[in-house]
Amino acid sequence: MMNHTLKSLCKISPGTVITGKWHSNQYTILKELGYGANGVVYLANYHNTQVALKMSDNGMSITSEVNVLKSFAKVQGSALGPSLLDVDDWKTNRGQVSFYVMEYIKGPDLLSFIEQKGKSWIVVLMLQLLSDLEKLHQNGWVFGDLKPENLIVTGPPPKIRCIDVGGTTIAGRAIKEFTEFYDRGYWGLGSRVAEPSYDLFSLAMIMINTAYPKRFTKSTGGLAQLTEAIRQKPELHSLEKVIENALKGQYTKARQMRQDLLDLLTDESPHKQRLKSKAAVKNISTPAPDLNKNKPKTRQQYRKKKKKTGWIETGVIAAVFIIFYVVIILKLF
């Protein structure tokens, strides 16, 4: 929780104009969006464009978050965090306050989106998030405070974005910020060292959270309580294996969890694919004698049938609705 002094210093009324000390850019405060341990975030207007402005009396905190956003900008193909627009100081009669301005990401938070659109979207959005986390981890960062409140779904087409990078930590260091429900240390299932598996544990807890919108409190703690929670919700049964692997820390890379999630969707594990490939080769190489002259056509028909079957298996469920959206979203990766 942010201390009282910081909250007081950064408390600003709507209509206040923030003028940067160094760049002289002016921002008109519209409303408060939220506050945390390291500052307050406001919705502001700049040249008829809405932006998010975060301020803090802790210059080191601002510098750290700015460095994270700059690092995000270097991650090719990822739009996980907001774009950085400006960094400056604001001089007031109560002291100097550091601030930075970023893209305002508009849309419902993750849980609200799923409530509106349906639980079939959970896997689609988690696949997106895992893809972006993989790129982030490859660049030496761990997100840290990963939770639904920090995840916004924009679009169309739907795209998951993050609005708070305050917990993002350099790999190998201690996690800077965390929320107990999504923290493996709280559940006694690992340390708070910044590593990919920490984020993947949090992502697994987010998946559980979609079935328990109000969360639940720790009783016995540990894997036993979380496993029981998964088994009590039918919508989590098909995802149980992937979620448990993440809770146990068995994934060291986001792409491993993503692949297992895809395997569940398609029902095509690597082992099954190898068996089917061997069977296909055998069937093609030993056709019935009286069909030899039609072999090229038969092979072509086989390939078409296999391709058609593969697409059908990519749905979360058999419904045409989710097959359509899975295909559309996966094309974005």
Protein backbone atom coordinates (compact mmCIF):
# COMPACT_ATOMS: atom_id res chain seq x y z
CA MET A 1 0.00 0.00 0.00
CA MET A 2 1.33 3.46 -0.84
CA ASN A 3 2.38 5.53 2.17
CA HIS A 4 0.25 8.48 3.28
CA THR A 5 2.89 11.13 2.46
CA LEU A 6 3.22 9.96 -1.12
CA LYS A 7 -0.53 9.73 -1.58
CA SER A 8 -0.92 13.30 -0.28
CA LEU A 9 1.88 14.69 -2.44
CA CYS A 10 0.51 13.06 -5.58
CA LYS A 11 -3.16 13.80 -4.87
CA ILE A 12 -4.39 15.96 -7.73
CA SER A 13 -7.86 17.23 -8.57
CA PRO A 14 -9.41 16.84 -12.04
CA GLY A 15 -8.69 19.89 -14.17
CA THR A 16 -5.18 20.38 -12.81
CA VAL A 17 -2.64 21.11 -15.53
CA ILE A 18 0.71 19.33 -15.16
CA THR A 19 3.55 21.16 -16.90
CA GLY A 20 6.81 19.28 -17.37
CA LYS A 21 9.87 21.05 -15.96
CA TRP A 22 12.19 19.94 -18.74
CA HIS A 23 10.01 19.31 -21.82
CA SER A 24 7.25 21.84 -21.05
CA ASN A 25 4.53 19.46 -22.21
CA GLN A 26 1.18 20.15 -20.56
CA TYR A 27 -1.24 17.48 -19.39
CA THR A 28 -4.75 18.14 -18.05
CA ILE A 29 -5.77 15.66 -15.36
CA LEU A 30 -9.16 14.02 -16.00
CA LYS A 31 -9.45 11.46 -13.22
CA GLU A 32 -7.50 9.03 -11.04
CA LEU A 33 -7.15 5.55 -12.47
CA GLY A 34 -5.50 3.91 -9.46
CA TYR A 35 -2.58 3.96 -7.06
CA GLY A 36 -0.14 1.49 -5.57
CA ALA A 37 3.04 1.25 -3.55
CA ASN A 38 5.07 3.41 -5.91
CA GLY A 39 2.75 6.07 -7.22
CA VAL A 40 -0.58 7.27 -8.57
CA VAL A 41 -1.86 6.83 -12.14
CA TYR A 42 -4.14 9.43 -13.72
CA LEU A 43 -6.05 9.66 -16.96
CA ALA A 44 -4.97 12.90 -18.63
CA ASN A 45 -5.54 14.81 -21.82
CA TYR A 46 -2.69 15.84 -24.10
CA HIS A 47 -3.49 17.58 -27.39
CA ASN A 48 -6.97 16.00 -27.46
CA THR A 49 -5.51 12.56 -26.84
CA GLN A 50 -6.08 10.54 -23.69
CA VAL A 51 -2.91 9.33 -21.98
CA ALA A 52 -2.02 7.65 -18.68
CA LEU A 53 0.24 9.68 -16.39
CA LYS A 54 1.98 8.07 -13.42
CA MET A 55 3.66 10.20 -10.77
CA SER A 56 5.74 9.45 -7.71
CA ASP A 57 8.09 11.22 -5.31
CA ASN A 58 10.37 8.20 -5.68
CA GLY A 59 12.60 9.07 -8.62
CA MET A 60 14.28 5.66 -8.55
CA SER A 61 10.94 3.92 -8.92
CA ILE A 62 10.02 6.08 -11.90
CA THR A 63 13.42 5.45 -13.50
CA SER A 64 13.03 1.69 -13.03
CA GLU A 65 9.57 1.60 -14.60
CA VAL A 66 10.68 3.82 -17.47
CA ASN A 67 13.55 1.41 -18.15
CA VAL A 68 11.06 -1.46 -18.23
CA LEU A 69 8.86 0.33 -20.76
CA LYS A 70 11.90 1.12 -22.90
CA SER A 71 12.87 -2.54 -22.75
CA PHE A 72 9.34 -3.53 -23.78
CA ALA A 73 9.67 -1.28 -26.82
CA LYS A 74 12.73 -3.29 -27.91
CA VAL A 75 10.90 -6.61 -27.74
CA GLN A 76 10.04 -7.22 -31.36
CA GLY A 77 6.54 -8.49 -32.05
CA SER A 78 5.29 -7.86 -28.51
CA ALA A 79 2.81 -5.22 -27.33
CA LEU A 80 2.41 -6.48 -23.79
CA GLY A 81 2.95 -3.16 -22.03
CA PRO A 82 1.98 0.42 -22.90
CA SER A 83 4.13 2.66 -25.10
CA LEU A 84 6.25 5.26 -23.28
CA LEU A 85 5.49 8.84 -24.40
CA ASP A 86 7.25 11.23 -22.00
CA VAL A 87 9.34 11.40 -18.82
CA ASP A 88 9.65 14.58 -16.78
CA ASP A 89 9.36 16.32 -13.37
CA TRP A 90 6.59 18.55 -12.06
CA LYS A 91 7.51 21.30 -9.63
CA THR A 92 4.83 22.12 -7.04
CA ASN A 93 4.71 24.20 -3.86
CA ARG A 94 4.80 20.91 -1.94
CA GLY A 95 7.91 19.66 -3.69
CA GLN A 96 9.03 18.11 -6.95
CA VAL A 97 7.26 15.07 -8.33
CA SER A 98 8.61 12.78 -11.03
CA PHE A 99 6.22 11.44 -13.63
CA TYR A 100 6.05 9.59 -16.89
CA VAL A 101 3.38 9.46 -19.54
CA MET A 102 2.34 6.34 -21.39
CA GLU A 103 -0.23 5.09 -23.83
CA TYR A 104 -3.70 4.81 -22.33
CA ILE A 105 -4.87 1.26 -22.90
CA LYS A 106 -8.66 1.19 -22.98
CA GLY A 107 -10.86 -1.84 -22.57
CA PRO A 108 -12.32 -4.26 -20.02
CA ASP A 109 -10.03 -6.07 -17.60
CA LEU A 110 -9.46 -9.78 -18.21
CA LEU A 111 -12.14 -11.12 -15.86
CA SER A 112 -14.75 -8.64 -17.10
CA PHE A 113 -14.02 -9.56 -20.72
CA ILE A 114 -14.37 -13.28 -20.00
CA GLU A 115 -17.61 -12.67 -18.11
CA GLN A 116 -18.97 -10.78 -21.12
CA LYS A 117 -17.66 -13.00 -23.92
CA GLY A 118 -17.54 -16.43 -22.32
CA LYS A 119 -14.98 -18.76 -20.76
CA SER A 120 -14.02 -20.17 -24.15
CA TRP A 121 -11.83 -17.07 -24.49
CA ILE A 122 -9.61 -18.02 -21.54
CA VAL A 123 -7.27 -20.26 -23.50
CA VAL A 124 -7.11 -17.90 -26.49
CA LEU A 125 -5.99 -15.01 -24.28
CA MET A 126 -3.59 -17.15 -22.25
CA LEU A 127 -1.90 -18.26 -25.47
CA GLN A 128 -1.40 -14.61 -26.39
CA LEU A 129 -0.05 -13.79 -22.95
CA LEU A 130 2.37 -16.72 -22.99
CA SER A 131 3.68 -15.65 -26.38
CA ASP A 132 4.43 -12.14 -25.06
CA LEU A 133 5.90 -13.44 -21.80
CA GLU A 134 8.30 -15.65 -23.75
CA LYS A 135 9.67 -12.59 -25.55
CA LEU A 136 9.86 -10.65 -22.28
CA HIS A 137 11.76 -13.45 -20.54
CA GLN A 138 14.17 -13.77 -23.44
CA ASN A 139 15.05 -10.11 -22.89
CA GLY A 140 15.96 -10.72 -19.25
CA TRP A 141 12.81 -9.54 -17.47
CA VAL A 142 10.16 -11.19 -15.32
CA PHE A 143 6.78 -9.51 -15.05
CA GLY A 144 6.32 -10.23 -11.36
CA ASP A 145 2.95 -8.79 -10.34
CA LEU A 146 0.88 -10.61 -12.95
CA LYS A 147 -2.85 -10.49 -12.14
CA PRO A 148 -6.19 -9.90 -13.91
CA GLU A 149 -6.48 -6.30 -12.68
CA ASN A 150 -3.35 -5.43 -14.63
CA LEU A 151 -4.53 -7.12 -17.82
CA ILE A 152 -6.74 -5.24 -20.29
CA VAL A 153 -8.31 -6.73 -23.42
CA THR A 154 -8.32 -4.31 -26.34
CA GLY A 155 -9.62 -4.79 -29.85
CA PRO A 156 -11.07 -5.88 -32.09
CA PRO A 157 -9.49 -8.25 -32.66
CA PRO A 158 -9.12 -9.00 -28.93
CA LYS A 159 -5.56 -8.50 -27.69
CA ILE A 160 -4.37 -8.79 -24.11
CA ARG A 161 -2.28 -5.86 -22.81
CA CYS A 162 -0.83 -4.86 -19.45
CA ILE A 163 -1.38 -1.51 -17.77
CA ASP A 164 1.07 -1.71 -14.85
CA VAL A 165 4.75 -2.65 -15.10
CA GLY A 166 5.62 -1.67 -11.53
CA GLY A 167 6.41 -5.25 -10.53
CA THR A 168 8.58 -6.09 -13.53
CA THR A 169 11.97 -7.26 -12.28
CA ILE A 170 15.33 -8.12 -13.83
CA ALA A 171 15.76 -11.90 -13.93
CA GLY A 172 17.61 -13.30 -10.95
CA ARG A 173 16.64 -10.58 -8.49
CA ALA A 174 13.95 -10.62 -5.81
CA ILE A 175 10.43 -9.87 -7.08
CA LYS A 176 9.69 -6.18 -6.41
CA GLU A 177 5.91 -6.34 -6.11
CA PHE A 178 3.43 -9.16 -5.82
CA THR A 179 -0.18 -9.90 -4.93
CA GLU A 180 -0.58 -12.79 -2.50
CA PHE A 181 -3.14 -14.85 -4.42
CA TYR A 182 -0.85 -15.02 -7.48
CA ASP A 183 2.41 -15.38 -5.53
CA ARG A 184 3.94 -18.84 -5.26
CA GLY A 185 5.71 -17.86 -2.04
CA TYR A 186 2.34 -17.21 -0.41
CA TRP A 187 1.17 -20.72 -1.30
CA GLY A 188 4.45 -22.29 -0.21
CA LEU A 189 5.23 -23.48 -3.72
CA GLY A 190 8.45 -21.64 -4.49
CA SER A 191 10.65 -18.64 -3.90
CA ARG A 192 10.21 -15.02 -4.93
CA VAL A 193 13.24 -15.07 -7.21
CA ALA A 194 12.47 -13.43 -10.56
CA GLU A 195 12.48 -16.25 -13.09
CA PRO A 196 10.09 -17.37 -15.84
CA SER A 197 8.51 -20.04 -13.65
CA TYR A 198 7.37 -17.31 -11.24
CA ASP A 199 5.30 -15.64 -13.98
CA LEU A 200 3.97 -19.01 -15.15
CA PHE A 201 2.77 -19.82 -11.63
CA SER A 202 0.92 -16.49 -11.59
CA LEU A 203 -0.61 -17.23 -14.98
CA ALA A 204 -1.85 -20.60 -13.69
CA MET A 205 -3.46 -18.80 -10.74
CA ILE A 206 -5.11 -16.37 -13.18
CA MET A 207 -6.63 -19.36 -14.98
CA ILE A 208 -7.96 -20.62 -11.65
CA ASN A 209 -9.17 -17.09 -10.86
CA THR A 210 -11.41 -17.14 -13.96
CA ALA A 211 -13.42 -19.91 -12.29
CA TYR A 212 -13.33 -18.15 -8.91
CA PRO A 213 -13.87 -14.43 -9.74
CA LYS A 214 -13.85 -13.50 -6.03
CA ARG A 215 -10.78 -15.69 -5.42
CA PHE A 216 -10.55 -17.73 -2.22
CA THR A 217 -8.44 -17.59 0.90
CA LYS A 218 -5.59 -19.90 1.84
CA SER A 219 -6.53 -22.61 4.30
CA THR A 220 -4.22 -25.61 4.13
CA GLY A 221 -2.25 -23.95 1.36
CA GLY A 222 0.11 -25.81 -0.93
CA LEU A 223 -0.65 -27.81 -4.03
CA ALA A 224 -3.36 -29.88 -2.35
CA GLN A 225 -5.71 -26.92 -1.82
CA LEU A 226 -5.17 -25.56 -5.32
CA THR A 227 -5.64 -28.97 -6.94
CA GLU A 228 -8.91 -29.44 -5.07
CA ALA A 229 -10.07 -26.01 -6.22
CA ILE A 230 -9.35 -26.98 -9.85
CA ARG A 231 -11.26 -30.24 -9.56
CA GLN A 232 -14.33 -28.52 -8.16
CA LYS A 233 -14.79 -26.47 -11.35
CA PRO A 234 -15.73 -28.43 -14.51
CA GLU A 235 -14.46 -25.63 -16.76
CA LEU A 236 -10.94 -26.21 -15.42
CA HIS A 237 -10.87 -29.99 -15.81
CA SER A 238 -9.47 -29.98 -19.35
CA LEU A 239 -6.75 -27.53 -18.27
CA GLU A 240 -5.83 -29.33 -15.04
CA LYS A 241 -2.61 -30.91 -16.29
CA VAL A 242 -1.17 -27.65 -17.65
CA ILE A 243 -2.21 -25.64 -14.59
CA GLU A 244 -0.71 -28.18 -12.18
CA ASN A 245 2.57 -28.32 -14.11
CA ALA A 246 2.84 -24.54 -13.82
CA LEU A 247 1.98 -24.62 -10.11
CA LYS A 248 4.69 -27.22 -9.55
CA GLY A 249 7.27 -25.12 -11.40
CA GLN A 250 7.79 -27.73 -14.09
CA TYR A 251 7.88 -25.14 -16.87
CA THR A 252 11.11 -23.17 -17.18
CA LYS A 253 10.00 -21.33 -20.32
CA ALA A 254 6.70 -19.77 -21.34
CA ARG A 255 6.84 -21.53 -24.70
CA GLN A 256 6.74 -24.92 -22.95
CA MET A 257 3.49 -24.06 -21.21
CA ARG A 258 2.12 -22.56 -24.40
CA GLN A 259 2.91 -25.72 -26.37
CA ASP A 260 1.21 -27.93 -23.79
CA LEU A 261 -1.82 -25.67 -23.90
CA LEU A 262 -1.90 -25.96 -27.69
CA ASP A 263 -1.55 -29.73 -27.41
CA LEU A 264 -4.62 -29.80 -25.20
CA LEU A 265 -6.54 -27.70 -27.70
CA THR A 266 -5.65 -29.81 -30.69
CA ASP A 267 -5.47 -33.12 -28.83
CA GLU A 268 -2.27 -33.63 -30.77
CA SER A 269 0.59 -34.34 -28.40
CA PRO A 270 4.05 -34.86 -30.00
CA HIS A 271 3.80 -38.59 -29.28
CA LYS A 272 0.44 -38.88 -31.05
CA GLN A 273 1.75 -36.87 -33.98
CA ARG A 274 4.72 -39.23 -34.39
CA LEU A 275 2.45 -42.28 -34.30
CA LYS A 276 0.10 -40.76 -36.87
CA SER A 277 3.02 -39.81 -39.11
CA LYS A 278 4.37 -43.36 -39.04
CA ALA A 279 0.93 -44.76 -39.80
CA ALA A 280 0.51 -42.32 -42.67
CA VAL A 281 3.85 -43.28 -44.19
CA LYS A 282 3.00 -46.96 -43.91
CA ASN A 283 -0.42 -46.54 -45.48
CA ILE A 284 0.93 -44.49 -48.35
CA SER A 285 3.91 -46.72 -49.08
CA THR A 286 1.92 -49.96 -49.19
CA PRO A 287 -1.25 -49.34 -51.20
CA ALA A 288 -3.42 -52.12 -52.53
CA PRO A 289 -2.13 -53.40 -55.91
CA ASP A 290 -5.30 -52.51 -57.79
CA LEU A 291 -5.03 -48.84 -56.69
CA ASN A 292 -1.46 -48.20 -57.89
CA LYS A 293 -2.50 -46.19 -60.90
CA ASN A 294 -4.60 -43.91 -58.68
CA LYS A 295 -1.90 -43.49 -55.99
CA PRO A 296 -1.18 -39.74 -56.58
CA LYS A 297 -4.89 -38.94 -56.28
CA THR A 298 -5.31 -41.08 -53.14
CA ARG A 299 -2.33 -39.38 -51.47
CA GLN A 300 -3.73 -35.95 -52.30
CA GLN A 301 -7.12 -36.89 -50.87
CA TYR A 302 -5.42 -38.22 -47.73
CA ARG A 303 -3.55 -34.98 -47.23
CA LYS A 304 -6.70 -32.92 -47.68
CA LYS A 305 -8.57 -35.10 -45.21
CA LYS A 306 -5.73 -34.91 -42.66
CA LYS A 307 -5.53 -31.13 -42.99
CA LYS A 308 -9.29 -30.79 -42.56
CA THR A 309 -9.22 -33.02 -39.48
CA GLY A 310 -6.35 -30.99 -37.99
CA TRP A 311 -8.29 -27.75 -38.27
CA ILE A 312 -11.34 -29.27 -36.62
CA GLU A 313 -9.19 -30.38 -33.67
CA THR A 314 -7.87 -26.85 -33.03
CA GLY A 315 -11.04 -25.73 -31.28
CA VAL A 316 -11.27 -25.43 -27.51
CA ILE A 317 -14.61 -27.16 -27.86
CA ALA A 318 -16.50 -28.52 -30.84
CA ALA A 319 -18.46 -25.28 -31.28
CA VAL A 320 -17.78 -23.45 -34.51
CA PHE A 321 -17.61 -20.15 -32.58
CA ILE A 322 -14.41 -20.93 -30.70
CA ILE A 323 -12.75 -22.64 -33.67
CA PHE A 324 -13.18 -19.41 -35.62
CA TYR A 325 -11.67 -17.20 -32.95
CA VAL A 326 -8.78 -19.54 -32.12
CA VAL A 327 -7.75 -19.52 -35.77
CA ILE A 328 -8.04 -15.72 -36.01
CA ILE A 329 -6.09 -15.03 -32.81
CA LEU A 330 -3.36 -17.60 -33.48
CA LYS A 331 -2.68 -15.88 -36.79
CA LEU A 332 -1.66 -12.81 -34.80
CA PHE A 333 1.27 -14.56 -33.04
